[in-house]
């Protein structure tokens, strides 16, 4: 039901260059004629996929039009597939949308090129300030300034059904999780279902062991850290699980995860919280789930940390920004303020999404253990390096290729060193 919004689809070096060459400079709060008075008009808001519930959409449109008589707000739903290319074209033209949703790992490609309006310190505080999800704030910053803020998050949690795990104790540390997954593995059941190309679920192991993806030095040079001592320790655990506890294809992708789960072939499944709707779908749905079997007692836990507590996990989700070339920037800012308001964010939370503001996490339904596990996981997240070149790392399948090799049992140190060299080559080019 939900789609992965984390990969910057079809982003090559030429796209990053196009951003830099065609973007206009970030603007303030005046219209194209230099007036500070916002004209009436139609504000276009680009939302991606079906994640934003109808209740939030209705609230945004109704509230905006009531507060701005004579103006209208139109929501235009976009697809995650090809989004970066479409934004690149639209944001640089004369018919730019006014407010846009963008994947959090895609943000740097646009903030660095000047496609988003700068958010002042005063505005930042009014939108939530330190209450906003910190990893998402970082993803939307560029050179010490704010351009895109958190919209909502969706963290990975560990799904399981007691029908498969039986009386196995709930793991409380990362080592216990590894041991439990291996113990639950049989000839027909994956203790942990882990397709080889799925690198998102590998990052917590790297982080929990003290490794890192890539860090930028004072001279601006990036250093990758998969081959660091902590990185190698984490990758050793990843390979152990991939080779001894998973029956997933060694070159498989993170798609249709509900299929093996609903076949009763999976003990643990680490996946974004929205996968629950695919698992809980009726058996006769267009994309069948297992509503009355394994989905009937589906539950989840946040991935446990190395020393207990909650592990640092990859923070997936969306940011929102006002376009620099909005034809009505004053009105766009007003629409943006509604989307960042407690009222709007509460609607998102009540519909199971993790809101932009940590103080509103309590609004997520307490009777949904999966949503609650997602909230707990979201409080301890990191994101990919904030570099406009990171989209190229993803687009070139550098990580997917490396983790497929690890899943196939290749030497971890060799793979990690070659992965680091490739990441540094791209980020430093």
Protein backbone atom coordinates (compact mmCIF):
# COMPACT_ATOMS: atom_id res chain seq x y z
CA UNK A 1 0.00 0.00 0.00
CA UNK A 2 2.80 2.38 0.89
CA UNK A 3 5.67 2.97 -1.45
CA UNK A 4 9.32 3.51 -0.65
CA UNK A 5 10.06 7.21 -0.77
CA UNK A 6 13.70 6.91 0.17
CA UNK A 7 15.46 6.32 -3.11
CA UNK A 8 16.17 9.24 -5.41
CA UNK A 9 14.95 7.57 -8.56
CA UNK A 10 16.88 8.14 -11.79
CA UNK A 11 19.31 10.66 -10.38
CA UNK A 12 22.60 10.69 -12.22
CA UNK A 13 25.43 13.17 -12.18
CA UNK A 14 23.86 15.05 -15.05
CA UNK A 15 20.75 15.69 -12.93
CA UNK A 16 22.81 17.11 -10.07
CA UNK A 17 24.64 19.34 -12.55
CA UNK A 18 21.35 20.48 -14.05
CA UNK A 19 20.14 21.48 -10.61
CA UNK A 20 23.18 23.61 -10.02
CA UNK A 21 23.01 25.28 -13.41
CA UNK A 22 19.30 26.03 -13.63
CA UNK A 23 18.24 26.84 -10.07
CA UNK A 24 17.45 30.38 -9.08
CA UNK A 25 18.71 31.91 -5.88
CA UNK A 26 16.64 31.41 -2.75
CA UNK A 27 14.10 34.13 -2.22
CA UNK A 28 12.40 35.90 0.60
CA UNK A 29 8.75 36.69 1.06
CA UNK A 30 7.90 39.00 -1.85
CA UNK A 31 6.09 38.25 -5.09
CA UNK A 32 7.54 38.55 -8.61
CA UNK A 33 6.81 42.29 -8.71
CA UNK A 34 8.76 42.96 -5.54
CA UNK A 35 5.67 43.66 -3.46
CA UNK A 36 5.39 42.38 0.10
CA UNK A 37 1.61 42.12 -0.25
CA UNK A 38 0.48 38.67 -1.33
CA UNK A 39 -1.93 38.67 -4.24
CA UNK A 40 -4.85 36.30 -4.34
CA UNK A 41 -4.29 33.27 -6.45
CA UNK A 42 -4.19 29.50 -6.65
CA UNK A 43 -1.54 27.77 -4.56
CA UNK A 44 -0.41 24.39 -5.87
CA UNK A 45 0.78 21.84 -3.31
CA UNK A 46 2.57 18.74 -4.56
CA UNK A 47 2.03 15.72 -2.31
CA UNK A 48 3.67 12.44 -3.22
CA UNK A 49 1.86 9.12 -3.18
CA UNK A 50 -1.19 8.34 -1.06
CA UNK A 51 0.45 8.62 2.36
CA UNK A 52 -1.16 11.96 3.31
CA UNK A 53 -4.67 11.02 4.51
CA UNK A 54 -7.78 12.62 3.04
CA UNK A 55 -8.59 14.25 6.39
CA UNK A 56 -5.31 16.19 6.28
CA UNK A 57 -5.82 17.19 2.65
CA UNK A 58 -9.32 18.45 3.38
CA UNK A 59 -8.11 20.39 6.43
CA UNK A 60 -5.32 22.05 4.45
CA UNK A 61 -7.56 23.18 1.61
CA UNK A 62 -10.46 24.31 3.80
CA UNK A 63 -8.32 26.16 6.34
CA UNK A 64 -6.22 27.91 3.70
CA UNK A 65 -9.21 29.12 1.71
CA UNK A 66 -11.05 30.30 4.85
CA UNK A 67 -7.99 32.25 6.03
CA UNK A 68 -7.27 33.70 2.58
CA UNK A 69 -10.57 34.78 0.98
CA UNK A 70 -10.39 34.88 -2.79
CA UNK A 71 -7.49 32.42 -2.97
CA UNK A 72 -7.66 28.70 -3.63
CA UNK A 73 -5.39 25.76 -2.88
CA UNK A 74 -5.02 22.83 -5.24
CA UNK A 75 -3.37 19.56 -4.21
CA UNK A 76 -1.63 17.73 -7.05
CA UNK A 77 -0.59 14.17 -6.21
CA UNK A 78 2.70 13.01 -7.69
CA UNK A 79 4.35 9.60 -7.94
CA UNK A 80 7.57 8.64 -6.16
CA UNK A 81 8.75 7.06 -9.40
CA UNK A 82 10.65 9.70 -11.37
CA UNK A 83 9.92 12.40 -8.77
CA UNK A 84 13.39 13.96 -8.75
CA UNK A 85 13.45 14.38 -12.52
CA UNK A 86 9.97 15.93 -12.47
CA UNK A 87 10.86 18.31 -9.64
CA UNK A 88 14.07 19.30 -11.42
CA UNK A 89 12.09 20.37 -14.46
CA UNK A 90 9.12 21.94 -12.68
CA UNK A 91 10.96 23.90 -10.00
CA UNK A 92 13.18 25.59 -12.57
CA UNK A 93 10.32 26.71 -14.81
CA UNK A 94 7.89 29.60 -14.78
CA UNK A 95 5.02 27.33 -13.73
CA UNK A 96 6.60 25.98 -10.56
CA UNK A 97 4.45 24.39 -7.85
CA UNK A 98 4.38 26.43 -4.64
CA UNK A 99 4.84 23.87 -1.86
CA UNK A 100 6.42 20.47 -2.48
CA UNK A 101 6.94 17.21 -0.65
CA UNK A 102 10.27 15.49 -1.25
CA UNK A 103 11.93 12.36 0.14
CA UNK A 104 14.30 13.18 2.97
CA UNK A 105 17.34 11.69 1.19
CA UNK A 106 16.44 13.68 -1.92
CA UNK A 107 16.40 17.04 -0.12
CA UNK A 108 20.09 17.92 -0.40
CA UNK A 109 20.00 17.82 -4.19
CA UNK A 110 17.50 20.70 -4.13
CA UNK A 111 18.56 22.69 -1.06
CA UNK A 112 22.15 22.89 -2.33
CA UNK A 113 21.03 24.20 -5.72
CA UNK A 114 18.71 26.93 -4.44
CA UNK A 115 15.37 25.46 -5.46
CA UNK A 116 13.78 25.97 -2.03
CA UNK A 117 13.00 29.22 -0.23
CA UNK A 118 15.09 29.85 2.87
CA UNK A 119 13.24 29.47 6.18
CA UNK A 120 14.16 32.25 8.58
CA UNK A 121 15.13 31.55 12.20
CA UNK A 122 11.91 33.17 13.37
CA UNK A 123 9.84 30.98 11.04
CA UNK A 124 11.79 27.88 12.10
CA UNK A 125 10.91 28.50 15.74
CA UNK A 126 7.25 29.12 14.87
CA UNK A 127 7.12 25.81 12.99
CA UNK A 128 8.44 23.83 15.94
CA UNK A 129 12.14 24.57 16.34
CA UNK A 130 13.85 22.01 18.58
CA UNK A 131 10.61 20.00 18.74
CA UNK A 132 11.06 18.95 15.10
CA UNK A 133 12.58 15.55 14.24
CA UNK A 134 16.30 16.42 14.32
CA UNK A 135 17.49 14.01 11.61
CA UNK A 136 14.92 15.42 9.18
CA UNK A 137 15.84 19.00 10.03
CA UNK A 138 19.45 18.14 9.21
CA UNK A 139 18.40 16.57 5.91
CA UNK A 140 16.70 19.83 4.89
CA UNK A 141 19.51 22.18 5.94
CA UNK A 142 22.26 23.52 3.72
CA UNK A 143 25.30 25.54 4.80
CA UNK A 144 23.79 26.33 8.17
CA UNK A 145 20.41 27.49 6.88
CA UNK A 146 16.98 25.84 6.84
CA UNK A 147 15.23 25.14 3.54
CA UNK A 148 13.06 22.03 4.03
CA UNK A 149 11.53 20.82 7.29
CA UNK A 150 10.16 17.45 8.41
CA UNK A 151 6.73 16.48 7.11
CA UNK A 152 6.30 13.01 8.57
CA UNK A 153 8.45 9.95 9.26
CA UNK A 154 8.19 6.21 8.96
CA UNK A 155 10.80 4.16 10.73
CA UNK A 156 11.67 0.52 10.27
CA UNK A 157 10.48 -1.87 12.97
CA UNK A 158 10.74 -5.63 13.40
CA UNK A 159 7.46 -7.37 12.50
CA UNK A 160 6.59 -10.80 13.81
CA UNK A 161 3.65 -13.09 14.49
CA UNK A 162 3.62 -15.31 17.61
CA UNK A 163 2.21 -18.03 15.35
CA UNK A 164 5.72 -18.31 13.90
CA UNK A 165 7.99 -17.13 16.72
CA UNK A 166 6.10 -19.18 19.33
CA UNK A 167 7.37 -18.70 22.86
CA UNK A 168 10.75 -17.27 21.81
CA UNK A 169 11.61 -14.41 24.19
CA UNK A 170 11.48 -10.89 22.76
CA UNK A 171 15.10 -9.83 22.14
CA UNK A 172 16.32 -6.85 24.16
CA UNK A 173 19.79 -6.36 22.65
CA UNK A 174 21.17 -6.52 19.13
CA UNK A 175 23.13 -9.69 19.93
CA UNK A 176 19.99 -11.34 21.28
CA UNK A 177 18.16 -10.34 18.09
CA UNK A 178 20.84 -11.98 15.93
CA UNK A 179 20.84 -15.11 18.08
CA UNK A 180 17.04 -15.34 18.10
CA UNK A 181 16.78 -14.95 14.32
CA UNK A 182 19.32 -17.72 13.81
CA UNK A 183 17.58 -20.00 16.34
CA UNK A 184 14.21 -19.55 14.62
CA UNK A 185 15.61 -20.46 11.20
CA UNK A 186 14.55 -23.81 9.74
CA UNK A 187 14.72 -25.36 6.30
CA UNK A 188 11.48 -23.56 5.39
CA UNK A 189 11.41 -20.50 7.66
CA UNK A 190 13.72 -17.48 7.53
CA UNK A 191 14.58 -16.36 11.03
CA UNK A 192 14.99 -12.94 9.41
CA UNK A 193 13.91 -12.28 5.83
CA UNK A 194 16.66 -10.12 4.30
CA UNK A 195 16.92 -9.61 0.50
CA UNK A 196 20.53 -9.03 -0.52
CA UNK A 197 20.05 -5.53 -1.98
CA UNK A 198 18.38 -4.19 1.16
CA UNK A 199 21.05 -1.87 2.59
CA UNK A 200 18.71 0.22 4.76
CA UNK A 201 18.47 -2.54 7.35
CA UNK A 202 22.26 -2.89 7.45
CA UNK A 203 22.86 0.67 8.63
CA UNK A 204 21.75 0.10 12.27
CA UNK A 205 24.35 -2.65 12.65
CA UNK A 206 27.05 -0.32 11.35
CA UNK A 207 25.95 2.57 13.59
CA UNK A 208 25.45 0.45 16.72
CA UNK A 209 29.00 -0.91 16.40
CA UNK A 210 30.50 2.55 16.05
CA UNK A 211 30.84 2.73 12.26
CA UNK A 212 29.49 5.36 9.89
CA UNK A 213 28.43 5.86 6.27
CA UNK A 214 30.50 8.92 5.38
CA UNK A 215 31.65 12.03 7.23
CA UNK A 216 32.85 15.36 5.87
CA UNK A 217 36.09 16.84 7.16
CA UNK A 218 36.82 20.51 7.77
CA UNK A 219 38.42 20.71 4.33
CA UNK A 220 35.16 19.55 2.73
CA UNK A 221 36.48 16.10 1.82
CA UNK A 222 34.25 13.10 2.50
CA UNK A 223 35.56 9.95 4.21
CA UNK A 224 33.46 6.78 4.06
CA UNK A 225 33.33 4.48 7.08
CA UNK A 226 32.06 1.03 6.20
CA UNK A 227 35.64 -0.27 6.42
CA UNK A 228 36.23 1.37 9.81
CA UNK A 229 36.59 -0.93 12.83
CA UNK A 230 32.98 -0.37 13.84
CA UNK A 231 31.77 -0.64 10.28
CA UNK A 232 33.42 -4.01 9.80
CA UNK A 233 32.02 -5.30 13.10
CA UNK A 234 28.52 -4.32 12.01
CA UNK A 235 28.93 -5.81 8.54
CA UNK A 236 30.11 -9.08 10.08
CA UNK A 237 26.77 -9.33 11.90
CA UNK A 238 24.93 -8.42 8.72
CA UNK A 239 26.67 -11.18 6.78
CA UNK A 240 26.03 -13.67 9.57
CA UNK A 241 22.31 -13.00 9.36
CA UNK A 242 22.16 -12.86 5.56
CA UNK A 243 23.96 -16.18 5.13
CA UNK A 244 22.64 -18.21 8.08
CA UNK A 245 19.19 -16.81 8.94
CA UNK A 246 17.67 -15.62 5.65
CA UNK A 247 16.19 -17.57 2.76
CA UNK A 248 15.52 -14.40 0.78
CA UNK A 249 17.13 -14.08 -2.67
CA UNK A 250 20.74 -12.98 -2.29
CA UNK A 251 20.19 -10.39 -5.03
CA UNK A 252 16.59 -9.65 -4.04
CA UNK A 253 15.01 -6.22 -3.55
CA UNK A 254 12.82 -4.88 -0.76
CA UNK A 255 9.54 -5.46 -2.61
CA UNK A 256 6.37 -7.47 -1.89
CA UNK A 257 7.64 -8.42 1.56
CA UNK A 258 4.14 -9.43 2.59
CA UNK A 259 4.27 -12.46 0.27
CA UNK A 260 6.80 -14.62 2.17
CA UNK A 261 5.46 -13.34 5.49
CA UNK A 262 1.90 -14.35 4.63
CA UNK A 263 3.13 -17.76 3.54
CA UNK A 264 4.32 -18.35 7.09
CA UNK A 265 7.95 -18.44 5.98
CA UNK A 266 9.25 -15.52 8.04
CA UNK A 267 9.90 -15.16 11.79
CA UNK A 268 11.24 -11.58 11.81
CA UNK A 269 10.77 -8.95 9.12
CA UNK A 270 12.48 -5.57 9.50
CA UNK A 271 10.54 -3.11 7.36
CA UNK A 272 8.86 0.34 7.38
CA UNK A 273 5.75 0.58 9.53
CA UNK A 274 3.46 1.01 6.54
CA UNK A 275 4.16 -2.60 5.44
CA UNK A 276 1.55 -3.55 8.05
CA UNK A 277 -1.23 -2.56 5.66
CA UNK A 278 0.06 -4.95 3.00
CA UNK A 279 0.24 -7.80 5.51
CA UNK A 280 -3.18 -6.99 6.98
CA UNK A 281 -4.85 -6.74 3.56
CA UNK A 282 -7.63 -9.26 2.82
CA UNK A 283 -6.65 -12.48 1.12
CA UNK A 284 -8.82 -11.59 -1.88
CA UNK A 285 -7.36 -8.06 -2.31
CA UNK A 286 -5.69 -7.07 -5.57
CA UNK A 287 -2.40 -7.45 -3.70
CA UNK A 288 -3.30 -10.25 -1.26
CA UNK A 289 -2.37 -10.07 2.40
CA UNK A 290 -3.16 -12.44 5.26
CA UNK A 291 -5.73 -10.52 7.25
CA UNK A 292 -7.29 -13.59 8.88
CA UNK A 293 -4.14 -15.66 9.40
CA UNK A 294 -0.69 -14.27 10.22
CA UNK A 295 -1.95 -10.70 9.95
CA UNK A 296 -4.54 -11.29 12.66
CA UNK A 297 -2.00 -11.11 15.48
CA UNK A 298 0.71 -9.11 13.74
CA UNK A 299 2.89 -7.10 16.09
CA UNK A 300 6.28 -5.39 16.07
CA UNK A 301 9.16 -4.20 18.22
CA UNK A 302 11.76 -1.49 17.64
CA UNK A 303 15.13 -2.95 16.74
CA UNK A 304 17.04 -3.34 20.02
CA UNK A 305 20.36 -1.56 20.50
CA UNK A 306 23.77 -3.10 21.08
CA UNK A 307 23.58 -2.35 24.79
CA UNK A 308 19.81 -2.49 25.10
CA UNK A 309 17.24 0.21 24.50
CA UNK A 310 16.43 1.14 20.92
CA UNK A 311 18.95 0.91 18.08
CA UNK A 312 19.75 3.85 15.85
CA UNK A 313 17.82 3.16 12.65
CA UNK A 314 17.52 4.76 9.25
CA UNK A 315 14.95 7.54 9.34
CA UNK A 316 12.77 7.40 6.27
CA UNK A 317 10.04 9.85 5.37
CA UNK A 318 9.44 13.21 3.76
CA UNK A 319 10.37 16.87 4.03
CA UNK A 320 8.37 19.82 2.73
CA UNK A 321 9.55 23.12 1.30
CA UNK A 322 8.33 26.29 -0.39
CA UNK A 323 9.60 26.59 -3.95
CA UNK A 324 11.92 29.51 -4.67
CA UNK A 325 10.05 30.24 -7.89
CA UNK A 326 6.58 30.20 -6.33
CA UNK A 327 4.46 32.81 -8.11
CA UNK A 328 2.79 33.68 -4.79
CA UNK A 329 5.43 33.17 -2.09
CA UNK A 330 3.44 34.94 0.64
CA UNK A 331 0.47 32.64 0.10
CA UNK A 332 2.78 29.64 -0.21
CA UNK A 333 4.27 30.40 3.20
CA UNK A 334 0.76 30.57 4.68
CA UNK A 335 -0.09 27.15 3.26
CA UNK A 336 3.22 25.84 4.55
CA UNK A 337 2.46 27.15 8.04
CA UNK A 338 -0.81 25.23 8.08
CA UNK A 339 0.99 22.00 7.16
CA UNK A 340 3.46 22.55 10.02
CA UNK A 341 0.73 23.44 12.53
CA UNK A 342 -0.16 21.25 15.52
CA UNK A 343 -3.66 20.77 14.13
CA UNK A 344 -2.49 19.44 10.76
CA UNK A 345 0.33 17.34 12.22
CA UNK A 346 -2.11 15.83 14.73
CA UNK A 347 -4.24 14.59 11.85
CA UNK A 348 -1.19 12.85 10.39
CA UNK A 349 -0.39 11.28 13.77
CA UNK A 350 -3.95 10.10 14.34
CA UNK A 351 -3.76 8.33 10.99
CA UNK A 352 -0.66 6.37 12.04
CA UNK A 353 2.10 8.54 10.56
CA UNK A 354 4.94 9.76 12.78
CA UNK A 355 4.46 13.55 12.93
CA UNK A 356 7.13 16.16 12.34
CA UNK A 357 6.99 17.26 15.98
CA UNK A 358 8.20 14.88 18.67
CA UNK A 359 5.70 16.31 21.18
CA UNK A 360 2.84 15.09 18.99
CA UNK A 361 4.01 11.47 18.91
CA UNK A 362 1.54 10.82 21.74
CA UNK A 363 -1.24 11.39 19.21
CA UNK A 364 -0.35 8.19 17.36
CA UNK A 365 -3.00 5.58 18.30
CA UNK A 366 -1.95 3.73 21.44
CA UNK A 367 -3.93 0.63 20.49
CA UNK A 368 -1.64 -0.02 17.50
CA UNK A 369 1.58 -1.70 18.74
CA UNK A 370 3.17 -1.33 15.31
CA UNK A 371 2.61 2.42 15.22
CA UNK A 372 3.93 2.71 18.76
CA UNK A 373 7.05 0.71 17.89
CA UNK A 374 7.54 3.08 14.96
CA UNK A 375 7.28 6.11 17.22
CA UNK A 376 9.86 4.65 19.60
CA UNK A 377 12.21 3.86 16.72
CA UNK A 378 11.75 7.32 15.20
CA UNK A 379 13.14 8.94 18.33
CA UNK A 380 16.60 7.50 17.51
CA UNK A 381 17.28 7.85 13.80
CA UNK A 382 20.00 8.93 11.41
CA UNK A 383 19.88 9.69 7.70
CA UNK A 384 22.25 9.40 4.79
CA UNK A 385 25.03 11.99 4.32
CA UNK A 386 23.67 15.45 3.56
CA UNK A 387 25.40 15.89 0.22
CA UNK A 388 23.93 16.79 -3.18
CA UNK A 389 26.01 13.90 -4.55
CA UNK A 390 24.41 11.28 -2.31
CA UNK A 391 21.58 10.84 -4.81
CA UNK A 392 24.23 9.66 -7.28
CA UNK A 393 25.44 7.02 -4.82
CA UNK A 394 21.92 5.60 -4.68
CA UNK A 395 21.26 5.95 -8.39
CA UNK A 396 24.44 4.03 -9.27
CA UNK A 397 23.36 1.10 -7.03
CA UNK A 398 26.67 1.23 -5.18
CA UNK A 399 25.20 0.01 -1.89
CA UNK A 400 22.85 -2.52 -3.46
CA UNK A 401 25.77 -4.15 -5.27
CA UNK A 402 27.97 -4.23 -2.17
CA UNK A 403 25.35 -5.84 0.04
CA UNK A 404 24.50 -8.42 -2.60
CA UNK A 405 28.16 -9.42 -2.50
CA UNK A 406 28.05 -9.61 1.30
CA UNK A 407 24.90 -11.75 1.13
CA UNK A 408 26.74 -14.11 -1.21
CA UNK A 409 29.50 -14.60 1.34
CA UNK A 410 32.30 -12.50 -0.13
CA UNK A 411 35.04 -11.19 2.16
CA UNK A 412 33.51 -8.36 4.19
CA UNK A 413 36.69 -6.29 4.49
CA UNK A 414 37.34 -6.37 0.75
CA UNK A 415 33.75 -5.41 -0.07
CA UNK A 416 33.75 -2.63 2.55
CA UNK A 417 37.02 -1.11 1.32
CA UNK A 418 35.81 -1.10 -2.29
CA UNK A 419 32.44 0.35 -1.20
CA UNK A 420 34.14 3.16 0.71
CA UNK A 421 36.40 3.96 -2.23
CA UNK A 422 33.40 4.23 -4.57
CA UNK A 423 31.39 6.40 -2.14
CA UNK A 424 34.36 8.75 -1.68
CA UNK A 425 34.88 8.94 -5.43
CA UNK A 426 31.27 10.07 -5.96
CA UNK A 427 30.93 12.42 -2.98
CA UNK A 428 34.27 14.10 -3.63
CA UNK A 429 33.87 14.51 -7.38
